[in-house]
């Protein structure tokens, strides 16, 4: 059973890493698009085409400086996103073994659903897993079929 849970945990992390890789890809693509626009604007002289401004010579230095700025900002933003994602993947959350509340501060405990909802975009709904369903069904069946159960045939009712 523990091996199955470990495999599920590893596959969840793998799925998160894949998702985070996709985030990095789209961030990089966005910054590449900005750099491409800077150069297309400069080489094709888009202000002259669209806004009837006088034609201007290509400003290689200006476009290079803007491109370098975009690359630096893109690197900072992507690195920050990566660090935030690593924090999500590596953090430990202290959870009560009995009530499943999450330890926030020295004396504060919070419901797990509230803790996760406050820190993510996840929304919760509740259901019952097959294992718990079997267990609860067996308990209900045992309770209703017991000889002293109020609703059982031959049982006593109050």
C-alpha atoms as a PDB file:
ATOM      1  CA  UNK A   1       0.000   0.000   0.000  1.00  0.00           C
ATOM      2  CA  UNK A   2       2.814   2.406   0.934  1.00  0.00           C
ATOM      3  CA  UNK A   3       4.534   1.602  -2.363  1.00  0.00           C
ATOM      4  CA  UNK A   4       1.353   2.520  -4.265  1.00  0.00           C
ATOM      5  CA  UNK A   5       1.091   5.835  -2.384  1.00  0.00           C
ATOM      6  CA  UNK A   6       4.776   6.560  -3.091  1.00  0.00           C
ATOM      7  CA  UNK A   7       4.213   5.909  -6.807  1.00  0.00           C
ATOM      8  CA  UNK A   8       1.152   8.221  -6.789  1.00  0.00           C
ATOM      9  CA  UNK A   9       3.194  10.907  -4.991  1.00  0.00           C
ATOM     10  CA  UNK A  10       6.016  10.624  -7.550  1.00  0.00           C
ATOM     11  CA  UNK A  11       3.611  10.725 -10.499  1.00  0.00           C
ATOM     12  CA  UNK A  12       1.912  13.808  -9.018  1.00  0.00           C
ATOM     13  CA  UNK A  13       5.278  15.526  -8.717  1.00  0.00           C
ATOM     14  CA  UNK A  14       6.084  14.519 -12.293  1.00  0.00           C
ATOM     15  CA  UNK A  15       2.812  16.029 -13.491  1.00  0.00           C
ATOM     16  CA  UNK A  16       3.540  19.230 -11.572  1.00  0.00           C
ATOM     17  CA  UNK A  17       7.051  19.431 -13.006  1.00  0.00           C
ATOM     18  CA  UNK A  18       5.612  18.995 -16.504  1.00  0.00           C
ATOM     19  CA  UNK A  19       3.074  21.747 -15.843  1.00  0.00           C
ATOM     20  CA  UNK A  20       5.794  24.031 -14.472  1.00  0.00           C
ATOM     21  CA  UNK A  21       7.901  23.286 -17.564  1.00  0.00           C
ATOM     22  CA  UNK A  22       4.987  24.378 -19.719  1.00  0.00           C
ATOM     23  CA  UNK A  23       4.712  27.615 -17.723  1.00  0.00           C
ATOM     24  CA  UNK A  24       8.405  28.309 -18.341  1.00  0.00           C
ATOM     25  CA  UNK A  25       7.969  27.524 -22.047  1.00  0.00           C
ATOM     26  CA  UNK A  26       5.095  29.985 -22.449  1.00  0.00           C
ATOM     27  CA  UNK A  27       6.917  32.657 -20.451  1.00  0.00           C
ATOM     28  CA  UNK A  28       9.968  32.237 -22.683  1.00  0.00           C
ATOM     29  CA  UNK A  29       7.825  32.322 -25.808  1.00  0.00           C
ATOM     30  CA  UNK A  30       6.205  35.541 -24.596  1.00  0.00           C
ATOM     31  CA  UNK A  31       9.549  37.243 -24.051  1.00  0.00           C
ATOM     32  CA  UNK A  32      10.780  35.982 -27.426  1.00  0.00           C
ATOM     33  CA  UNK A  33       7.671  37.523 -29.028  1.00  0.00           C
ATOM     34  CA  UNK A  34       8.425  40.871 -27.363  1.00  0.00           C
ATOM     35  CA  UNK A  35      12.006  40.798 -28.662  1.00  0.00           C
ATOM     36  CA  UNK A  36      10.783  39.835 -32.146  1.00  0.00           C
ATOM     37  CA  UNK A  37       8.327  42.748 -32.082  1.00  0.00           C
ATOM     38  CA  UNK A  38      11.104  45.179 -31.075  1.00  0.00           C
ATOM     39  CA  UNK A  39      13.200  44.105 -34.066  1.00  0.00           C
ATOM     40  CA  UNK A  40      10.291  43.960 -36.541  1.00  0.00           C
ATOM     41  CA  UNK A  41       9.273  47.456 -35.436  1.00  0.00           C
ATOM     42  CA  UNK A  42      12.811  48.712 -35.882  1.00  0.00           C
ATOM     43  CA  UNK A  43      13.641  47.034 -39.201  1.00  0.00           C
ATOM     44  CA  UNK A  44      10.280  47.609 -40.896  1.00  0.00           C
ATOM     45  CA  UNK A  45       9.846  51.081 -39.351  1.00  0.00           C
ATOM     46  CA  UNK A  46       6.286  50.337 -38.192  1.00  0.00           C
ATOM     47  CA  UNK A  47       5.620  53.868 -36.840  1.00  0.00           C
ATOM     48  CA  UNK A  48       6.171  55.221 -40.369  1.00  0.00           C
ATOM     49  CA  UNK A  49       3.818  52.612 -41.844  1.00  0.00           C
ATOM     50  CA  UNK A  50       0.963  52.805 -39.329  1.00  0.00           C
ATOM     51  CA  UNK A  51       1.163  56.334 -37.889  1.00  0.00           C
ATOM     52  CA  UNK A  52       2.365  58.349 -40.903  1.00  0.00           C
ATOM     53  CA  UNK A  53       5.542  59.388 -39.127  1.00  0.00           C
ATOM     54  CA  UNK A  54       8.603  60.323 -41.132  1.00  0.00           C
ATOM     55  CA  UNK A  55      10.818  57.347 -41.991  1.00  0.00           C
ATOM     56  CA  UNK A  56      13.610  56.752 -39.502  1.00  0.00           C
ATOM     57  CA  UNK A  57      16.881  54.887 -39.915  1.00  0.00           C
ATOM     58  CA  UNK A  58      17.288  51.571 -38.095  1.00  0.00           C
ATOM     59  CA  UNK A  59      18.504  52.179 -34.556  1.00  0.00           C
ATOM     60  CA  UNK A  60      20.598  49.045 -34.012  1.00  0.00           C
ATOM     61  CA  UNK A  61      21.938  50.196 -30.658  1.00  0.00           C
ATOM     62  CA  UNK A  62      18.543  51.215 -29.277  1.00  0.00           C
ATOM     63  CA  UNK A  63      16.920  47.954 -30.383  1.00  0.00           C
ATOM     64  CA  UNK A  64      19.830  45.987 -28.903  1.00  0.00           C
ATOM     65  CA  UNK A  65      19.500  47.790 -25.558  1.00  0.00           C
ATOM     66  CA  UNK A  66      15.731  47.186 -25.441  1.00  0.00           C
ATOM     67  CA  UNK A  67      16.278  43.518 -26.370  1.00  0.00           C
ATOM     68  CA  UNK A  68      18.897  43.140 -23.642  1.00  0.00           C
ATOM     69  CA  UNK A  69      16.488  44.701 -21.145  1.00  0.00           C
ATOM     70  CA  UNK A  70      13.729  42.289 -22.172  1.00  0.00           C
ATOM     71  CA  UNK A  71      16.120  39.330 -21.847  1.00  0.00           C
ATOM     72  CA  UNK A  72      17.185  40.462 -18.351  1.00  0.00           C
ATOM     73  CA  UNK A  73      13.602  41.028 -17.216  1.00  0.00           C
ATOM     74  CA  UNK A  74      12.560  37.707 -18.769  1.00  0.00           C
ATOM     75  CA  UNK A  75      15.349  35.898 -16.945  1.00  0.00           C
ATOM     76  CA  UNK A  76      14.402  37.502 -13.619  1.00  0.00           C
ATOM     77  CA  UNK A  77      10.704  36.717 -14.010  1.00  0.00           C
ATOM     78  CA  UNK A  78      11.316  33.137 -15.158  1.00  0.00           C
ATOM     79  CA  UNK A  79      13.810  32.548 -12.316  1.00  0.00           C
ATOM     80  CA  UNK A  80      11.345  33.969  -9.779  1.00  0.00           C
ATOM     81  CA  UNK A  81       8.588  31.725 -11.135  1.00  0.00           C
ATOM     82  CA  UNK A  82      10.935  28.729 -10.959  1.00  0.00           C
ATOM     83  CA  UNK A  83      11.815  29.485  -7.333  1.00  0.00           C
ATOM     84  CA  UNK A  84       8.152  29.824  -6.406  1.00  0.00           C
ATOM     85  CA  UNK A  85       7.398  26.514  -8.110  1.00  0.00           C
ATOM     86  CA  UNK A  86      10.248  24.778  -6.297  1.00  0.00           C
ATOM     87  CA  UNK A  87       8.888  26.138  -3.019  1.00  0.00           C
ATOM     88  CA  UNK A  88       5.543  24.559  -3.836  1.00  0.00           C
ATOM     89  CA  UNK A  89       7.143  21.210  -4.689  1.00  0.00           C
ATOM     90  CA  UNK A  90       9.573  21.019  -1.784  1.00  0.00           C
ATOM     91  CA  UNK A  91       7.655  22.487   1.127  1.00  0.00           C
ATOM     92  CA  UNK A  92       6.617  20.420   4.124  1.00  0.00           C
ATOM     93  CA  UNK A  93       3.200  20.951   5.603  1.00  0.00           C
ATOM     94  CA  UNK A  94       2.635  19.832   9.171  1.00  0.00           C
ATOM     95  CA  UNK A  95      -0.777  18.138   9.386  1.00  0.00           C
ATOM     96  CA  UNK A  96      -2.552  16.814  12.492  1.00  0.00           C
ATOM     97  CA  UNK A  97      -2.879  13.026  12.314  1.00  0.00           C
ATOM     98  CA  UNK A  98      -6.387  13.097  13.767  1.00  0.00           C
ATOM     99  CA  UNK A  99      -8.301  16.132  12.528  1.00  0.00           C
ATOM    100  CA  UNK A 100      -6.073  16.909   9.491  1.00  0.00           C
ATOM    101  CA  UNK A 101      -5.702  20.588  10.368  1.00  0.00           C
ATOM    102  CA  UNK A 102      -2.561  22.322   9.077  1.00  0.00           C
ATOM    103  CA  UNK A 103      -0.056  23.938  11.441  1.00  0.00           C
ATOM    104  CA  UNK A 104       0.368  27.574  10.381  1.00  0.00           C
ATOM    105  CA  UNK A 105       2.217  29.343  13.171  1.00  0.00           C
ATOM    106  CA  UNK A 106       3.327  28.512  16.706  1.00  0.00           C
ATOM    107  CA  UNK A 107      -0.209  28.119  18.055  1.00  0.00           C
ATOM    108  CA  UNK A 108      -2.429  28.347  14.965  1.00  0.00           C
ATOM    109  CA  UNK A 109      -4.017  25.395  13.193  1.00  0.00           C
ATOM    110  CA  UNK A 110      -6.271  25.763  10.149  1.00  0.00           C
ATOM    111  CA  UNK A 111      -8.563  23.422   8.221  1.00  0.00           C
ATOM    112  CA  UNK A 112      -6.644  21.880   5.314  1.00  0.00           C
ATOM    113  CA  UNK A 113      -9.205  23.017   2.756  1.00  0.00           C
ATOM    114  CA  UNK A 114      -8.947  26.623   3.965  1.00  0.00           C
ATOM    115  CA  UNK A 115      -5.127  26.470   4.032  1.00  0.00           C
ATOM    116  CA  UNK A 116      -4.909  25.245   0.436  1.00  0.00           C
ATOM    117  CA  UNK A 117      -7.671  27.553  -0.839  1.00  0.00           C
ATOM    118  CA  UNK A 118      -5.912  30.588   0.651  1.00  0.00           C
ATOM    119  CA  UNK A 119      -2.641  29.736  -1.100  1.00  0.00           C
ATOM    120  CA  UNK A 120      -3.733  28.296  -4.440  1.00  0.00           C
ATOM    121  CA  UNK A 121      -6.489  28.588  -7.013  1.00  0.00           C
ATOM    122  CA  UNK A 122      -7.813  25.153  -6.014  1.00  0.00           C
ATOM    123  CA  UNK A 123     -11.428  24.788  -4.997  1.00  0.00           C
ATOM    124  CA  UNK A 124     -12.679  21.870  -2.925  1.00  0.00           C
ATOM    125  CA  UNK A 125     -15.566  19.515  -3.256  1.00  0.00           C
ATOM    126  CA  UNK A 126     -16.038  16.424  -1.187  1.00  0.00           C
ATOM    127  CA  UNK A 127     -16.725  12.852  -2.173  1.00  0.00           C
ATOM    128  CA  UNK A 128     -15.961   9.396  -0.833  1.00  0.00           C
ATOM    129  CA  UNK A 129     -13.277   7.061  -2.119  1.00  0.00           C
ATOM    130  CA  UNK A 130     -14.140   3.405  -2.862  1.00  0.00           C
ATOM    131  CA  UNK A 131     -12.198   2.139   0.172  1.00  0.00           C
ATOM    132  CA  UNK A 132     -14.001   4.446   2.609  1.00  0.00           C
ATOM    133  CA  UNK A 133     -17.327   3.700   0.920  1.00  0.00           C
ATOM    134  CA  UNK A 134     -16.847  -0.020   1.546  1.00  0.00           C
ATOM    135  CA  UNK A 135     -15.845   0.646   5.151  1.00  0.00           C
ATOM    136  CA  UNK A 136     -18.772   2.985   5.880  1.00  0.00           C
ATOM    137  CA  UNK A 137     -21.232   0.699   4.082  1.00  0.00           C
ATOM    138  CA  UNK A 138     -20.033  -2.232   6.185  1.00  0.00           C
ATOM    139  CA  UNK A 139     -20.413  -0.183   9.377  1.00  0.00           C
ATOM    140  CA  UNK A 140     -23.923   0.915   8.402  1.00  0.00           C
ATOM    141  CA  UNK A 141     -24.845  -2.637   7.452  1.00  0.00           C
ATOM    142  CA  UNK A 142     -23.452  -3.973  10.746  1.00  0.00           C
ATOM    143  CA  UNK A 143     -25.270  -1.318  12.743  1.00  0.00           C
ATOM    144  CA  UNK A 144     -28.631  -1.907  11.043  1.00  0.00           C
ATOM    145  CA  UNK A 145     -28.432  -5.691  11.086  1.00  0.00           C
ATOM    146  CA  UNK A 146     -27.380  -5.991  14.742  1.00  0.00           C
ATOM    147  CA  UNK A 147     -30.011  -7.798  16.890  1.00  0.00           C
ATOM    148  CA  UNK A 148     -30.509  -4.771  19.175  1.00  0.00           C
ATOM    149  CA  UNK A 149     -30.737  -2.239  16.379  1.00  0.00           C
ATOM    150  CA  UNK A 150     -34.023  -0.283  16.583  1.00  0.00           C
ATOM    151  CA  UNK A 151     -34.900  -0.845  12.901  1.00  0.00           C
ATOM    152  CA  UNK A 152     -33.652  -4.435  12.641  1.00  0.00           C
ATOM    153  CA  UNK A 153     -36.229  -7.245  12.462  1.00  0.00           C
ATOM    154  CA  UNK A 154     -36.788  -8.457  16.024  1.00  0.00           C
ATOM    155  CA  UNK A 155     -34.870  -5.475  17.432  1.00  0.00           C
ATOM    156  CA  UNK A 156     -36.186  -3.117  20.043  1.00  0.00           C
ATOM    157  CA  UNK A 157     -37.371   0.342  19.117  1.00  0.00           C
ATOM    158  CA  UNK A 158     -37.697   3.232  21.490  1.00  0.00           C
END
